[in-house]
Amino acid sequence: MEFSLSTKNTKKMKNYEFAVGFVTGALIIFVTLIQLNVALPLVWLLFMAGPFLVIWMVWSVLVAPVQIEETFEDQWYQDRPDLRREE
């Protein structure tokens, strides 16, 4: 079962890399604005938009059309051979 909020422009919604980059950029701008003591309403605007941006980013990543071939059991700890499961 596939769920789609809109049939228009689905190509843009499936671009999860854009969502991750945009939200990361917004976070960097937010932190920079706090350090530079800029207008407080602008900082609050980014602060209030933050949770919605994160939810949008998570949604974009979860519905991304990425095919995963490996399973958790197959890969376990790739970077730590001492923690790999012995069969």
C-alpha atoms as a PDB file:
ATOM      1  CA  MET A   1       0.000   0.000   0.000  1.00  0.00           C
ATOM      2  CA  GLU A   2       1.462   3.325  -1.033  1.00  0.00           C
ATOM      3  CA  PHE A   3       0.316   6.568   0.513  1.00  0.00           C
ATOM      4  CA  SER A   4       0.705   9.895  -1.247  1.00  0.00           C
ATOM      5  CA  LEU A   5      -0.436  13.288  -0.039  1.00  0.00           C
ATOM      6  CA  SER A   6      -0.432  14.706  -3.535  1.00  0.00           C
ATOM      7  CA  THR A   7      -0.239  13.357  -7.044  1.00  0.00           C
ATOM      8  CA  LYS A   8       1.411  16.533  -8.304  1.00  0.00           C
ATOM      9  CA  ASN A   9       5.124  17.140  -8.054  1.00  0.00           C
ATOM     10  CA  THR A  10       5.939  13.862  -6.305  1.00  0.00           C
ATOM     11  CA  LYS A  11       9.473  14.006  -7.701  1.00  0.00           C
ATOM     12  CA  LYS A  12      10.309  16.965  -5.442  1.00  0.00           C
ATOM     13  CA  MET A  13       8.852  15.286  -2.362  1.00  0.00           C
ATOM     14  CA  LYS A  14      10.950  12.175  -2.908  1.00  0.00           C
ATOM     15  CA  ASN A  15      14.189  14.138  -2.909  1.00  0.00           C
ATOM     16  CA  TYR A  16      15.216  13.388   0.657  1.00  0.00           C
ATOM     17  CA  GLU A  17      18.731  14.782   0.190  1.00  0.00           C
ATOM     18  CA  PHE A  18      17.268  18.250  -0.343  1.00  0.00           C
ATOM     19  CA  ALA A  19      15.205  17.936   2.849  1.00  0.00           C
ATOM     20  CA  VAL A  20      18.210  16.875   4.918  1.00  0.00           C
ATOM     21  CA  GLY A  21      20.354  19.664   3.488  1.00  0.00           C
ATOM     22  CA  PHE A  22      17.662  22.308   3.955  1.00  0.00           C
ATOM     23  CA  VAL A  23      16.968  21.387   7.582  1.00  0.00           C
ATOM     24  CA  THR A  24      20.681  21.196   8.369  1.00  0.00           C
ATOM     25  CA  GLY A  25      21.173  24.629   6.817  1.00  0.00           C
ATOM     26  CA  ALA A  26      18.271  26.045   8.814  1.00  0.00           C
ATOM     27  CA  LEU A  27      19.823  24.683  12.012  1.00  0.00           C
ATOM     28  CA  ILE A  28      23.202  26.247  11.185  1.00  0.00           C
ATOM     29  CA  ILE A  29      21.535  29.577  10.412  1.00  0.00           C
ATOM     30  CA  PHE A  30      19.536  29.366  13.652  1.00  0.00           C
ATOM     31  CA  VAL A  31      22.630  28.779  15.776  1.00  0.00           C
ATOM     32  CA  THR A  32      24.559  31.505  13.940  1.00  0.00           C
ATOM     33  CA  LEU A  33      21.763  34.044  14.429  1.00  0.00           C
ATOM     34  CA  ILE A  34      21.704  33.316  18.153  1.00  0.00           C
ATOM     35  CA  GLN A  35      25.442  33.923  18.431  1.00  0.00           C
ATOM     36  CA  LEU A  36      25.251  37.160  16.421  1.00  0.00           C
ATOM     37  CA  ASN A  37      22.436  38.554  18.595  1.00  0.00           C
ATOM     38  CA  VAL A  38      20.191  39.404  15.668  1.00  0.00           C
ATOM     39  CA  ALA A  39      16.504  40.267  15.918  1.00  0.00           C
ATOM     40  CA  LEU A  40      14.804  38.050  18.449  1.00  0.00           C
ATOM     41  CA  PRO A  41      11.598  37.566  16.381  1.00  0.00           C
ATOM     42  CA  LEU A  42      13.667  36.016  13.581  1.00  0.00           C
ATOM     43  CA  VAL A  43      15.310  33.619  16.021  1.00  0.00           C
ATOM     44  CA  TRP A  44      11.893  32.708  17.453  1.00  0.00           C
ATOM     45  CA  LEU A  45      10.522  32.145  13.963  1.00  0.00           C
ATOM     46  CA  LEU A  46      13.244  29.622  13.198  1.00  0.00           C
ATOM     47  CA  PHE A  47      12.820  28.068  16.641  1.00  0.00           C
ATOM     48  CA  MET A  48       9.077  27.588  16.105  1.00  0.00           C
ATOM     49  CA  ALA A  49       9.574  26.252  12.568  1.00  0.00           C
ATOM     50  CA  GLY A  50      12.205  23.752  13.742  1.00  0.00           C
ATOM     51  CA  PRO A  51       9.936  20.891  14.820  1.00  0.00           C
ATOM     52  CA  PHE A  52       7.935  21.071  11.596  1.00  0.00           C
ATOM     53  CA  LEU A  53      11.135  21.076   9.554  1.00  0.00           C
ATOM     54  CA  VAL A  54      12.423  18.022  11.411  1.00  0.00           C
ATOM     55  CA  ILE A  55       9.131  16.165  10.918  1.00  0.00           C
ATOM     56  CA  TRP A  56       9.234  17.016   7.187  1.00  0.00           C
ATOM     57  CA  MET A  57      12.833  15.792   6.970  1.00  0.00           C
ATOM     58  CA  VAL A  58      12.057  12.519   8.755  1.00  0.00           C
ATOM     59  CA  TRP A  59       9.002  11.956   6.538  1.00  0.00           C
ATOM     60  CA  SER A  60      11.086  12.623   3.409  1.00  0.00           C
ATOM     61  CA  VAL A  61      13.741  10.136   4.475  1.00  0.00           C
ATOM     62  CA  LEU A  62      11.257   7.447   5.475  1.00  0.00           C
ATOM     63  CA  VAL A  63       9.292   7.577   2.223  1.00  0.00           C
ATOM     64  CA  ALA A  64      12.371   7.927  -0.004  1.00  0.00           C
ATOM     65  CA  PRO A  65      12.426   5.420  -2.875  1.00  0.00           C
ATOM     66  CA  VAL A  66      15.693   3.820  -1.773  1.00  0.00           C
ATOM     67  CA  GLN A  67      16.136   0.078  -2.175  1.00  0.00           C
ATOM     68  CA  ILE A  68      18.138  -1.589   0.606  1.00  0.00           C
ATOM     69  CA  GLU A  69      19.653  -4.960  -0.249  1.00  0.00           C
ATOM     70  CA  GLU A  70      21.310  -5.770   3.094  1.00  0.00           C
ATOM     71  CA  THR A  71      19.482  -6.780   6.225  1.00  0.00           C
ATOM     72  CA  PHE A  72      20.377  -5.887   9.776  1.00  0.00           C
ATOM     73  CA  GLU A  73      21.350  -9.507  10.407  1.00  0.00           C
ATOM     74  CA  ASP A  74      23.680  -9.524   7.375  1.00  0.00           C
ATOM     75  CA  GLN A  75      25.469  -6.303   8.199  1.00  0.00           C
ATOM     76  CA  TRP A  76      25.376  -6.082  12.016  1.00  0.00           C
ATOM     77  CA  TYR A  77      28.537  -4.059  12.829  1.00  0.00           C
ATOM     78  CA  GLN A  78      30.446  -3.457   9.607  1.00  0.00           C
ATOM     79  CA  ASP A  79      33.140  -1.287  11.153  1.00  0.00           C
ATOM     80  CA  ARG A  80      33.812  -3.483  14.206  1.00  0.00           C
ATOM     81  CA  PRO A  81      34.761  -7.050  13.278  1.00  0.00           C
ATOM     82  CA  ASP A  82      35.052  -7.917  16.975  1.00  0.00           C
ATOM     83  CA  LEU A  83      31.324  -7.211  17.416  1.00  0.00           C
ATOM     84  CA  ARG A  84      30.106  -9.176  14.420  1.00  0.00           C
ATOM     85  CA  ARG A  85      27.832 -12.093  15.067  1.00  0.00           C
ATOM     86  CA  GLU A  86      29.415 -15.477  14.700  1.00  0.00           C
ATOM     87  CA  GLU A  87      27.268 -18.078  13.008  1.00  0.00           C
END
